[in-house]
PDB file of N, CA and C in Angstrom:
ATOM      1  N   UNK A   1      70.697 -63.790  30.529  1.00  0.00           N
ATOM      2  CA  UNK A   1      70.358 -62.968  31.684  1.00  0.00           C
ATOM      3  C   UNK A   1      71.024 -63.569  32.918  1.00  0.00           C
ATOM      4  N   UNK A   2      71.451 -62.715  33.829  1.00  0.00           N
ATOM      5  CA  UNK A   2      72.127 -63.172  35.037  1.00  0.00           C
ATOM      6  C   UNK A   2      71.255 -62.941  36.269  1.00  0.00           C
ATOM      7  N   UNK A   3      71.681 -63.516  37.372  1.00  0.00           N
ATOM      8  CA  UNK A   3      70.980 -63.324  38.641  1.00  0.00           C
ATOM      9  C   UNK A   3      70.898 -61.834  38.961  1.00  0.00           C
ATOM     10  N   UNK A   4      71.998 -61.126  38.781  1.00  0.00           N
ATOM     11  CA  UNK A   4      72.009 -59.696  39.077  1.00  0.00           C
ATOM     12  C   UNK A   4      71.002 -58.947  38.215  1.00  0.00           C
ATOM     13  N   UNK A   5      70.897 -59.298  36.950  1.00  0.00           N
ATOM     14  CA  UNK A   5      69.916 -58.647  36.061  1.00  0.00           C
ATOM     15  C   UNK A   5      68.490 -58.893  36.536  1.00  0.00           C
ATOM     16  N   UNK A   6      68.202 -60.117  36.950  1.00  0.00           N
ATOM     17  CA  UNK A   6      66.850 -60.446  37.430  1.00  0.00           C
ATOM     18  C   UNK A   6      66.523 -59.597  38.654  1.00  0.00           C
ATOM     19  N   UNK A   7      67.472 -59.482  39.576  1.00  0.00           N
ATOM     20  CA  UNK A   7      67.235 -58.697  40.786  1.00  0.00           C
ATOM     21  C   UNK A   7      67.121 -57.210  40.470  1.00  0.00           C
ATOM     22  N   UNK A   8      67.906 -56.728  39.508  1.00  0.00           N
ATOM     23  CA  UNK A   8      67.825 -55.314  39.118  1.00  0.00           C
ATOM     24  C   UNK A   8      66.477 -54.986  38.482  1.00  0.00           C
ATOM     25  N   UNK A   9      65.879 -55.951  37.820  1.00  0.00           N
ATOM     26  CA  UNK A   9      64.606 -55.727  37.139  1.00  0.00           C
ATOM     27  C   UNK A   9      63.396 -55.963  38.028  1.00  0.00           C
ATOM     28  N   UNK A  10      63.631 -56.216  39.308  1.00  0.00           N
ATOM     29  CA  UNK A  10      62.532 -56.445  40.246  1.00  0.00           C
ATOM     30  C   UNK A  10      62.453 -55.275  41.216  1.00  0.00           C
ATOM     31  N   UNK A  11      61.242 -54.888  41.564  1.00  0.00           N
ATOM     32  CA  UNK A  11      61.093 -53.805  42.541  1.00  0.00           C
ATOM     33  C   UNK A  11      60.912 -54.331  43.964  1.00  0.00           C
ATOM     34  N   UNK A  12      61.009 -55.658  44.129  1.00  0.00           N
ATOM     35  CA  UNK A  12      60.942 -56.274  45.455  1.00  0.00           C
ATOM     36  C   UNK A  12      62.044 -57.320  45.580  1.00  0.00           C
ATOM     37  N   UNK A  13      62.466 -57.641  46.795  1.00  0.00           N
ATOM     38  CA  UNK A  13      63.433 -58.725  46.974  1.00  0.00           C
ATOM     39  C   UNK A  13      62.830 -60.054  46.516  1.00  0.00           C
ATOM     40  N   UNK A  14      63.639 -60.888  45.878  1.00  0.00           N
ATOM     41  CA  UNK A  14      63.164 -62.167  45.334  1.00  0.00           C
ATOM     42  C   UNK A  14      63.822 -63.341  46.041  1.00  0.00           C
ATOM     43  N   UNK A  15      63.067 -64.443  46.177  1.00  0.00           N
ATOM     44  CA  UNK A  15      63.641 -65.669  46.720  1.00  0.00           C
ATOM     45  C   UNK A  15      64.253 -66.480  45.580  1.00  0.00           C
ATOM     46  N   UNK A  16      65.027 -67.503  45.930  1.00  0.00           N
ATOM     47  CA  UNK A  16      65.730 -68.303  44.927  1.00  0.00           C
ATOM     48  C   UNK A  16      64.785 -68.988  43.946  1.00  0.00           C
ATOM     49  N   UNK A  17      63.680 -69.629  44.389  1.00  0.00           N
ATOM     50  CA  UNK A  17      62.792 -70.263  43.405  1.00  0.00           C
ATOM     51  C   UNK A  17      62.271 -69.284  42.345  1.00  0.00           C
ATOM     52  N   UNK A  18      62.015 -68.055  42.730  1.00  0.00           N
ATOM     53  CA  UNK A  18      61.550 -67.058  41.766  1.00  0.00           C
ATOM     54  C   UNK A  18      62.656 -66.725  40.768  1.00  0.00           C
ATOM     55  N   UNK A  19      63.876 -66.557  41.255  1.00  0.00           N
ATOM     56  CA  UNK A  19      65.010 -66.268  40.368  1.00  0.00           C
ATOM     57  C   UNK A  19      65.230 -67.439  39.417  1.00  0.00           C
ATOM     58  N   UNK A  20      65.172 -68.660  39.946  1.00  0.00           N
ATOM     59  CA  UNK A  20      65.343 -69.863  39.117  1.00  0.00           C
ATOM     60  C   UNK A  20      64.306 -69.903  38.004  1.00  0.00           C
ATOM     61  N   UNK A  21      63.054 -69.620  38.335  1.00  0.00           N
ATOM     62  CA  UNK A  21      61.989 -69.680  37.321  1.00  0.00           C
ATOM     63  C   UNK A  21      62.171 -68.604  36.257  1.00  0.00           C
ATOM     64  N   UNK A  22      62.691 -67.451  36.630  1.00  0.00           N
ATOM     65  CA  UNK A  22      62.893 -66.377  35.649  1.00  0.00           C
ATOM     66  C   UNK A  22      64.100 -66.637  34.755  1.00  0.00           C
ATOM     67  N   UNK A  23      65.083 -67.348  35.279  1.00  0.00           N
ATOM     68  CA  UNK A  23      66.285 -67.623  34.491  1.00  0.00           C
ATOM     69  C   UNK A  23      66.218 -68.941  33.732  1.00  0.00           C
ATOM     70  N   UNK A  24      65.460 -69.888  34.267  1.00  0.00           N
ATOM     71  CA  UNK A  24      65.376 -71.196  33.621  1.00  0.00           C
ATOM     72  C   UNK A  24      66.649 -72.015  33.781  1.00  0.00           C
ATOM     73  N   UNK A  25      67.354 -71.827  34.891  1.00  0.00           N
ATOM     74  CA  UNK A  25      68.560 -72.607  35.179  1.00  0.00           C
ATOM     75  C   UNK A  25      68.349 -73.350  36.487  1.00  0.00           C
ATOM     76  N   UNK A  26      69.305 -74.251  36.827  1.00  0.00           N
ATOM     77  CA  UNK A  26      69.106 -75.009  38.065  1.00  0.00           C
ATOM     78  C   UNK A  26      69.442 -74.156  39.286  1.00  0.00           C
ATOM     79  N   UNK A  27      68.885 -74.560  40.412  1.00  0.00           N
ATOM     80  CA  UNK A  27      69.010 -73.742  41.616  1.00  0.00           C
ATOM     81  C   UNK A  27      70.433 -73.698  42.160  1.00  0.00           C
ATOM     82  N   UNK A  28      71.241 -74.736  41.906  1.00  0.00           N
ATOM     83  CA  UNK A  28      72.628 -74.724  42.373  1.00  0.00           C
ATOM     84  C   UNK A  28      73.395 -73.575  41.740  1.00  0.00           C
ATOM     85  N   UNK A  29      73.164 -73.354  40.459  1.00  0.00           N
ATOM     86  CA  UNK A  29      73.806 -72.242  39.745  1.00  0.00           C
ATOM     87  C   UNK A  29      73.400 -70.913  40.367  1.00  0.00           C
ATOM     88  N   UNK A  30      72.124 -70.757  40.655  1.00  0.00           N
ATOM     89  CA  UNK A  30      71.621 -69.515  41.247  1.00  0.00           C
ATOM     90  C   UNK A  30      72.218 -69.315  42.638  1.00  0.00           C
ATOM     91  N   UNK A  31      72.243 -70.355  43.471  1.00  0.00           N
ATOM     92  CA  UNK A  31      72.821 -70.230  44.810  1.00  0.00           C
ATOM     93  C   UNK A  31      74.297 -69.833  44.743  1.00  0.00           C
ATOM     94  N   UNK A  32      75.052 -70.402  43.796  1.00  0.00           N
ATOM     95  CA  UNK A  32      76.472 -70.050  43.642  1.00  0.00           C
ATOM     96  C   UNK A  32      76.630 -68.578  43.287  1.00  0.00           C
ATOM     97  N   UNK A  33      75.818 -68.124  42.342  1.00  0.00           N
ATOM     98  CA  UNK A  33      75.896 -66.730  41.919  1.00  0.00           C
ATOM     99  C   UNK A  33      75.485 -65.781  43.043  1.00  0.00           C
ATOM    100  N   UNK A  34      74.449 -66.138  43.776  1.00  0.00           N
ATOM    101  CA  UNK A  34      73.997 -65.317  44.901  1.00  0.00           C
ATOM    102  C   UNK A  34      75.104 -65.197  45.942  1.00  0.00           C
ATOM    103  N   UNK A  35      75.767 -66.301  46.257  1.00  0.00           N
ATOM    104  CA  UNK A  35      76.852 -66.266  47.242  1.00  0.00           C
ATOM    105  C   UNK A  35      77.965 -65.330  46.776  1.00  0.00           C
ATOM    106  N   UNK A  36      78.335 -65.394  45.514  1.00  0.00           N
ATOM    107  CA  UNK A  36      79.383 -64.512  44.974  1.00  0.00           C
ATOM    108  C   UNK A  36      78.952 -63.047  45.042  1.00  0.00           C
ATOM    109  N   UNK A  37      77.699 -62.773  44.691  1.00  0.00           N
ATOM    110  CA  UNK A  37      77.194 -61.397  44.710  1.00  0.00           C
ATOM    111  C   UNK A  37      77.109 -60.848  46.126  1.00  0.00           C
ATOM    112  N   UNK A  38      76.761 -61.701  47.090  1.00  0.00           N
ATOM    113  CA  UNK A  38      76.723 -61.287  48.499  1.00  0.00           C
ATOM    114  C   UNK A  38      78.124 -60.928  48.992  1.00  0.00           C
ATOM    115  N   UNK A  39      79.102 -61.782  48.689  1.00  0.00           N
ATOM    116  CA  UNK A  39      80.480 -61.544  49.115  1.00  0.00           C
ATOM    117  C   UNK A  39      81.007 -60.239  48.521  1.00  0.00           C
ATOM    118  N   UNK A  40      80.660 -59.962  47.266  1.00  0.00           N
ATOM    119  CA  UNK A  40      81.111 -58.736  46.599  1.00  0.00           C
ATOM    120  C   UNK A  40      80.328 -57.501  47.045  1.00  0.00           C
ATOM    121  N   UNK A  41      79.244 -57.714  47.789  1.00  0.00           N
ATOM    122  CA  UNK A  41      78.440 -56.584  48.264  1.00  0.00           C
ATOM    123  C   UNK A  41      77.501 -56.020  47.205  1.00  0.00           C
ATOM    124  N   UNK A  42      77.297 -56.758  46.124  1.00  0.00           N
ATOM    125  CA  UNK A  42      76.414 -56.302  45.038  1.00  0.00           C
ATOM    126  C   UNK A  42      74.940 -56.458  45.391  1.00  0.00           C
ATOM    127  N   UNK A  43      74.636 -57.449  46.247  1.00  0.00           N
ATOM    128  CA  UNK A  43      73.251 -57.688  46.653  1.00  0.00           C
ATOM    129  C   UNK A  43      73.177 -57.798  48.169  1.00  0.00           C
ATOM    130  N   UNK A  44      71.951 -57.685  48.684  1.00  0.00           N
ATOM    131  CA  UNK A  44      71.684 -57.809  50.112  1.00  0.00           C
ATOM    132  C   UNK A  44      70.677 -58.924  50.336  1.00  0.00           C
ATOM    133  N   UNK A  45      70.749 -59.529  51.508  1.00  0.00           N
ATOM    134  CA  UNK A  45      69.804 -60.570  51.876  1.00  0.00           C
ATOM    135  C   UNK A  45      68.733 -59.971  52.778  1.00  0.00           C
ATOM    136  N   UNK A  46      67.485 -60.295  52.520  1.00  0.00           N
ATOM    137  CA  UNK A  46      66.369 -59.833  53.351  1.00  0.00           C
ATOM    138  C   UNK A  46      65.673 -61.051  53.936  1.00  0.00           C
ATOM    139  N   UNK A  47      65.392 -61.002  55.223  1.00  0.00           N
ATOM    140  CA  UNK A  47      64.708 -62.097  55.902  1.00  0.00           C
ATOM    141  C   UNK A  47      63.490 -61.524  56.600  1.00  0.00           C
ATOM    142  N   UNK A  48      62.300 -61.949  56.192  1.00  0.00           N
ATOM    143  CA  UNK A  48      61.062 -61.417  56.749  1.00  0.00           C
ATOM    144  C   UNK A  48      60.437 -62.353  57.774  1.00  0.00           C
ATOM    145  N   UNK A  49      61.241 -63.284  58.299  1.00  0.00           N
ATOM    146  CA  UNK A  49      60.786 -64.155  59.373  1.00  0.00           C
ATOM    147  C   UNK A  49      59.848 -65.260  58.941  1.00  0.00           C
ATOM    148  N   UNK A  50      59.769 -65.534  57.648  1.00  0.00           N
ATOM    149  CA  UNK A  50      58.881 -66.588  57.171  1.00  0.00           C
ATOM    150  C   UNK A  50      59.640 -67.801  56.653  1.00  0.00           C
ATOM    151  N   UNK A  51      60.928 -67.867  56.944  1.00  0.00           N
ATOM    152  CA  UNK A  51      61.736 -69.008  56.522  1.00  0.00           C
ATOM    153  C   UNK A  51      62.314 -68.896  55.123  1.00  0.00           C
ATOM    154  N   UNK A  52      62.024 -67.817  54.417  1.00  0.00           N
ATOM    155  CA  UNK A  52      62.552 -67.608  53.066  1.00  0.00           C
ATOM    156  C   UNK A  52      63.567 -66.478  53.094  1.00  0.00           C
ATOM    157  N   UNK A  53      64.694 -66.708  52.470  1.00  0.00           N
ATOM    158  CA  UNK A  53      65.651 -65.622  52.288  1.00  0.00           C
ATOM    159  C   UNK A  53      65.365 -65.000  50.923  1.00  0.00           C
ATOM    160  N   UNK A  54      65.396 -63.692  50.908  1.00  0.00           N
ATOM    161  CA  UNK A  54      65.166 -62.963  49.664  1.00  0.00           C
ATOM    162  C   UNK A  54      66.370 -62.080  49.390  1.00  0.00           C
ATOM    163  N   UNK A  55      66.525 -61.707  48.144  1.00  0.00           N
ATOM    164  CA  UNK A  55      67.702 -60.946  47.740  1.00  0.00           C
ATOM    165  C   UNK A  55      67.291 -59.749  46.906  1.00  0.00           C
ATOM    166  N   UNK A  56      68.051 -58.660  47.082  1.00  0.00           N
ATOM    167  CA  UNK A  56      67.812 -57.443  46.314  1.00  0.00           C
ATOM    168  C   UNK A  56      69.138 -56.774  46.024  1.00  0.00           C
ATOM    169  N   UNK A  57      69.158 -55.936  45.011  1.00  0.00           N
ATOM    170  CA  UNK A  57      70.365 -55.222  44.640  1.00  0.00           C
ATOM    171  C   UNK A  57      70.726 -54.224  45.735  1.00  0.00           C
ATOM    172  N   UNK A  58      71.999 -54.132  46.022  1.00  0.00           N
ATOM    173  CA  UNK A  58      72.494 -53.179  47.011  1.00  0.00           C
ATOM    174  C   UNK A  58      72.591 -51.812  46.348  1.00  0.00           C
ATOM    175  N   UNK A  59      71.621 -50.966  46.619  1.00  0.00           N
ATOM    176  CA  UNK A  59      71.575 -49.637  46.010  1.00  0.00           C
ATOM    177  C   UNK A  59      72.496 -48.650  46.723  1.00  0.00           C
ATOM    178  N   UNK A  60      73.030 -49.061  47.868  1.00  0.00           N
ATOM    179  CA  UNK A  60      73.879 -48.166  48.646  1.00  0.00           C
ATOM    180  C   UNK A  60      73.092 -47.308  49.610  1.00  0.00           C
ATOM    181  N   UNK A  61      71.765 -47.301  49.483  1.00  0.00           N
ATOM    182  CA  UNK A  61      70.911 -46.535  50.398  1.00  0.00           C
ATOM    183  C   UNK A  61      70.251 -47.511  51.370  1.00  0.00           C
ATOM    184  N   UNK A  62      70.538 -47.317  52.644  1.00  0.00           N
ATOM    185  CA  UNK A  62      69.945 -48.190  53.653  1.00  0.00           C
ATOM    186  C   UNK A  62      68.445 -47.928  53.720  1.00  0.00           C
ATOM    187  N   UNK A  63      67.675 -48.981  53.720  1.00  0.00           N
ATOM    188  CA  UNK A  63      66.221 -48.845  53.795  1.00  0.00           C
ATOM    189  C   UNK A  63      65.631 -50.035  54.538  1.00  0.00           C
ATOM    190  N   UNK A  64      64.348 -49.930  54.809  1.00  0.00           N
ATOM    191  CA  UNK A  64      63.607 -50.993  55.484  1.00  0.00           C
ATOM    192  C   UNK A  64      62.424 -51.365  54.615  1.00  0.00           C
ATOM    193  N   UNK A  65      61.644 -52.343  55.080  1.00  0.00           N
ATOM    194  CA  UNK A  65      60.517 -52.815  54.280  1.00  0.00           C
ATOM    195  C   UNK A  65      59.217 -52.747  55.070  1.00  0.00           C
ATOM    196  N   UNK A  66      58.140 -52.448  54.361  1.00  0.00           N
ATOM    197  CA  UNK A  66      56.781 -52.557  54.878  1.00  0.00           C
ATOM    198  C   UNK A  66      56.193 -53.804  54.225  1.00  0.00           C
ATOM    199  N   UNK A  67      55.686 -54.747  55.018  1.00  0.00           N
ATOM    200  CA  UNK A  67      55.174 -56.006  54.496  1.00  0.00           C
ATOM    201  C   UNK A  67      53.740 -56.187  54.948  1.00  0.00           C
ATOM    202  N   UNK A  68      52.833 -56.327  53.972  1.00  0.00           N
ATOM    203  CA  UNK A  68      51.424 -56.552  54.300  1.00  0.00           C
ATOM    204  C   UNK A  68      51.230 -58.024  54.662  1.00  0.00           C
ATOM    205  N   UNK A  69      50.672 -58.273  55.820  1.00  0.00           N
ATOM    206  CA  UNK A  69      50.457 -59.648  56.271  1.00  0.00           C
ATOM    207  C   UNK A  69      49.248 -60.302  55.617  1.00  0.00           C
ATOM    208  N   UNK A  70      48.447 -59.533  54.902  1.00  0.00           N
ATOM    209  CA  UNK A  70      47.279 -60.090  54.232  1.00  0.00           C
ATOM    210  C   UNK A  70      47.584 -60.454  52.780  1.00  0.00           C
ATOM    211  N   UNK A  71      48.097 -59.497  52.005  1.00  0.00           N
ATOM    212  CA  UNK A  71      48.315 -59.735  50.566  1.00  0.00           C
ATOM    213  C   UNK A  71      49.792 -59.879  50.196  1.00  0.00           C
ATOM    214  N   UNK A  72      50.696 -59.744  51.163  1.00  0.00           N
ATOM    215  CA  UNK A  72      52.143 -59.872  50.971  1.00  0.00           C
ATOM    216  C   UNK A  72      52.771 -58.743  50.160  1.00  0.00           C
ATOM    217  N   UNK A  73      52.044 -57.652  49.972  1.00  0.00           N
ATOM    218  CA  UNK A  73      52.626 -56.495  49.284  1.00  0.00           C
ATOM    219  C   UNK A  73      53.850 -56.054  50.065  1.00  0.00           C
ATOM    220  N   UNK A  74      54.880 -55.652  49.335  1.00  0.00           N
ATOM    221  CA  UNK A  74      56.124 -55.245  49.959  1.00  0.00           C
ATOM    222  C   UNK A  74      56.529 -53.886  49.425  1.00  0.00           C
ATOM    223  N   UNK A  75      56.916 -52.999  50.317  1.00  0.00           N
ATOM    224  CA  UNK A  75      57.338 -51.645  49.948  1.00  0.00           C
ATOM    225  C   UNK A  75      58.616 -51.300  50.680  1.00  0.00           C
ATOM    226  N   UNK A  76      59.489 -50.565  50.015  1.00  0.00           N
ATOM    227  CA  UNK A  76      60.671 -50.020  50.685  1.00  0.00           C
ATOM    228  C   UNK A  76      60.267 -48.752  51.413  1.00  0.00           C
ATOM    229  N   UNK A  77      60.922 -48.508  52.550  1.00  0.00           N
ATOM    230  CA  UNK A  77      60.709 -47.260  53.271  1.00  0.00           C
ATOM    231  C   UNK A  77      62.055 -46.810  53.824  1.00  0.00           C
ATOM    232  N   UNK A  78      62.330 -45.525  53.675  1.00  0.00           N
ATOM    233  CA  UNK A  78      63.536 -44.949  54.256  1.00  0.00           C
ATOM    234  C   UNK A  78      63.106 -44.072  55.426  1.00  0.00           C
ATOM    235  N   UNK A  79      63.777 -44.256  56.543  1.00  0.00           N
ATOM    236  CA  UNK A  79      63.460 -43.467  57.729  1.00  0.00           C
ATOM    237  C   UNK A  79      64.748 -42.882  58.298  1.00  0.00           C
ATOM    238  N   UNK A  80      64.619 -41.788  58.996  1.00  0.00           N
ATOM    239  CA  UNK A  80      65.765 -41.189  59.671  1.00  0.00           C
ATOM    240  C   UNK A  80      65.996 -41.972  60.958  1.00  0.00           C
ATOM    241  N   UNK A  81      67.066 -42.713  60.997  1.00  0.00           N
ATOM    242  CA  UNK A  81      67.308 -43.633  62.103  1.00  0.00           C
ATOM    243  C   UNK A  81      68.239 -43.084  63.169  1.00  0.00           C
ATOM    244  N   UNK A  82      68.783 -41.920  62.975  1.00  0.00           N
ATOM    245  CA  UNK A  82      69.805 -41.392  63.869  1.00  0.00           C
ATOM    246  C   UNK A  82      69.329 -41.363  65.333  1.00  0.00           C
ATOM    247  N   UNK A  83      68.140 -40.832  65.571  1.00  0.00           N
ATOM    248  CA  UNK A  83      67.613 -40.731  66.941  1.00  0.00           C
ATOM    249  C   UNK A  83      67.393 -42.124  67.529  1.00  0.00           C
ATOM    250  N   UNK A  84      66.798 -43.005  66.755  1.00  0.00           N
ATOM    251  CA  UNK A  84      66.526 -44.365  67.224  1.00  0.00           C
ATOM    252  C   UNK A  84      67.826 -45.086  67.597  1.00  0.00           C
ATOM    253  N   UNK A  85      68.817 -45.018  66.728  1.00  0.00           N
ATOM    254  CA  UNK A  85      70.079 -45.707  66.997  1.00  0.00           C
ATOM    255  C   UNK A  85      70.812 -45.088  68.190  1.00  0.00           C
ATOM    256  N   UNK A  86      70.741 -43.773  68.345  1.00  0.00           N
ATOM    257  CA  UNK A  86      71.338 -43.128  69.512  1.00  0.00           C
ATOM    258  C   UNK A  86      70.653 -43.587  70.793  1.00  0.00           C
ATOM    259  N   UNK A  87      69.329 -43.689  70.753  1.00  0.00           N
ATOM    260  CA  UNK A  87      68.570 -44.125  71.927  1.00  0.00           C
ATOM    261  C   UNK A  87      68.936 -45.564  72.301  1.00  0.00           C
ATOM    262  N   UNK A  88      69.045 -46.438  71.311  1.00  0.00           N
ATOM    263  CA  UNK A  88      69.429 -47.826  71.573  1.00  0.00           C
ATOM    264  C   UNK A  88      70.814 -47.874  72.208  1.00  0.00           C
ATOM    265  N   UNK A  89      71.738 -47.134  71.647  1.00  0.00           N
ATOM    266  CA  UNK A  89      73.110 -47.127  72.171  1.00  0.00           C
ATOM    267  C   UNK A  89      73.171 -46.608  73.600  1.00  0.00           C
ATOM    268  N   UNK A  90      72.453 -45.529  73.895  1.00  0.00           N
ATOM    269  CA  UNK A  90      72.475 -44.943  75.242  1.00  0.00           C
ATOM    270  C   UNK A  90      71.806 -45.839  76.270  1.00  0.00           C
ATOM    271  N   UNK A  91      70.634 -46.362  75.938  1.00  0.00           N
ATOM    272  CA  UNK A  91      69.878 -47.139  76.920  1.00  0.00           C
ATOM    273  C   UNK A  91      70.462 -48.526  77.152  1.00  0.00           C
ATOM    274  N   UNK A  92      71.207 -49.041  76.213  1.00  0.00           N
ATOM    275  CA  UNK A  92      71.729 -50.398  76.365  1.00  0.00           C
ATOM    276  C   UNK A  92      73.236 -50.456  76.523  1.00  0.00           C
ATOM    277  N   UNK A  93      73.898 -49.320  76.341  1.00  0.00           N
ATOM    278  CA  UNK A  93      75.358 -49.296  76.344  1.00  0.00           C
ATOM    279  C   UNK A  93      75.889 -50.296  75.313  1.00  0.00           C
ATOM    280  N   UNK A  94      75.227 -50.319  74.174  1.00  0.00           N
ATOM    281  CA  UNK A  94      75.532 -51.242  73.081  1.00  0.00           C
ATOM    282  C   UNK A  94      75.828 -50.430  71.836  1.00  0.00           C
ATOM    283  N   UNK A  95      76.942 -50.666  71.215  1.00  0.00           N
ATOM    284  CA  UNK A  95      77.297 -49.959  69.981  1.00  0.00           C
ATOM    285  C   UNK A  95      76.741 -50.726  68.789  1.00  0.00           C
ATOM    286  N   UNK A  96      75.760 -50.178  68.139  1.00  0.00           N
ATOM    287  CA  UNK A  96      75.123 -50.825  66.986  1.00  0.00           C
ATOM    288  C   UNK A  96      76.046 -50.691  65.775  1.00  0.00           C
ATOM    289  N   UNK A  97      76.387 -51.822  65.182  1.00  0.00           N
ATOM    290  CA  UNK A  97      77.220 -51.819  63.979  1.00  0.00           C
ATOM    291  C   UNK A  97      76.376 -51.946  62.719  1.00  0.00           C
ATOM    292  N   UNK A  98      75.297 -52.697  62.829  1.00  0.00           N
ATOM    293  CA  UNK A  98      74.352 -52.837  61.720  1.00  0.00           C
ATOM    294  C   UNK A  98      73.033 -53.308  62.313  1.00  0.00           C
ATOM    295  N   UNK A  99      71.985 -53.190  61.553  1.00  0.00           N
ATOM    296  CA  UNK A  99      70.681 -53.619  62.052  1.00  0.00           C
ATOM    297  C   UNK A  99      69.767 -53.998  60.897  1.00  0.00           C
ATOM    298  N   UNK A 100      68.666 -54.600  61.258  1.00  0.00           N
ATOM    299  CA  UNK A 100      67.648 -55.025  60.315  1.00  0.00           C
ATOM    300  C   UNK A 100      66.302 -54.695  60.946  1.00  0.00           C
ATOM    301  N   UNK A 101      65.469 -53.966  60.248  1.00  0.00           N
ATOM    302  CA  UNK A 101      64.194 -53.548  60.813  1.00  0.00           C
ATOM    303  C   UNK A 101      63.126 -53.647  59.735  1.00  0.00           C
ATOM    304  N   UNK A 102      62.126 -54.457  59.972  1.00  0.00           N
ATOM    305  CA  UNK A 102      61.028 -54.633  59.016  1.00  0.00           C
ATOM    306  C   UNK A 102      59.726 -54.327  59.743  1.00  0.00           C
ATOM    307  N   UNK A 103      58.762 -53.797  59.014  1.00  0.00           N
ATOM    308  CA  UNK A 103      57.460 -53.448  59.576  1.00  0.00           C
ATOM    309  C   UNK A 103      56.388 -54.342  58.957  1.00  0.00           C
ATOM    310  N   UNK A 104      55.604 -55.012  59.791  1.00  0.00           N
ATOM    311  CA  UNK A 104      54.547 -55.908  59.337  1.00  0.00           C
ATOM    312  C   UNK A 104      53.201 -55.326  59.725  1.00  0.00           C
ATOM    313  N   UNK A 105      52.254 -55.387  58.816  1.00  0.00           N
ATOM    314  CA  UNK A 105      50.925 -54.852  59.095  1.00  0.00           C
ATOM    315  C   UNK A 105      50.021 -55.044  57.906  1.00  0.00           C
ATOM    316  N   UNK A 106      49.138 -54.078  57.673  1.00  0.00           N
ATOM    317  CA  UNK A 106      48.188 -54.147  56.569  1.00  0.00           C
ATOM    318  C   UNK A 106      48.375 -52.948  55.659  1.00  0.00           C
ATOM    319  N   UNK A 107      48.425 -53.189  54.361  1.00  0.00           N
ATOM    320  CA  UNK A 107      48.556 -52.098  53.404  1.00  0.00           C
ATOM    321  C   UNK A 107      47.211 -51.369  53.273  1.00  0.00           C
ATOM    322  N   UNK A 108      47.239 -50.271  52.576  1.00  0.00           N
ATOM    323  CA  UNK A 108      46.049 -49.452  52.410  1.00  0.00           C
ATOM    324  C   UNK A 108      44.888 -50.254  51.797  1.00  0.00           C
ATOM    325  N   UNK A 109      45.193 -51.106  50.835  1.00  0.00           N
ATOM    326  CA  UNK A 109      44.165 -51.909  50.157  1.00  0.00           C
ATOM    327  C   UNK A 109      43.512 -52.929  51.107  1.00  0.00           C
ATOM    328  N   UNK A 110      44.298 -53.438  52.054  1.00  0.00           N
ATOM    329  CA  UNK A 110      43.801 -54.496  52.951  1.00  0.00           C
ATOM    330  C   UNK A 110      43.225 -53.980  54.268  1.00  0.00           C
ATOM    331  N   UNK A 111      43.285 -52.688  54.523  1.00  0.00           N
ATOM    332  CA  UNK A 111      42.753 -52.140  55.775  1.00  0.00           C
ATOM    333  C   UNK A 111      41.271 -52.394  55.919  1.00  0.00           C
TER     334      UNK A 111
END
């Protein structure tokens, strides 16, 4: 099994220790493979502000994440960003080339 297979079989972004435990190989091997997959555009890096980098397969569809601050449940969400990005560009005179947007709160179970 490869790093890409592990990420394809997960419905959430995974950190390196999780990938290492699922593959049973050393972390240097996993980091090397992750770097190659990132350069090739096969995977994406997700950072939820907790000091851990996570990785997921690049499905080609831009999406964001909903993260529960109580139970750590993670969900993908797709939103129509056209209006938001236009507003940012107009109000700041800044041309957005890419962005990262995550939503933190409480899931239905933790409300």
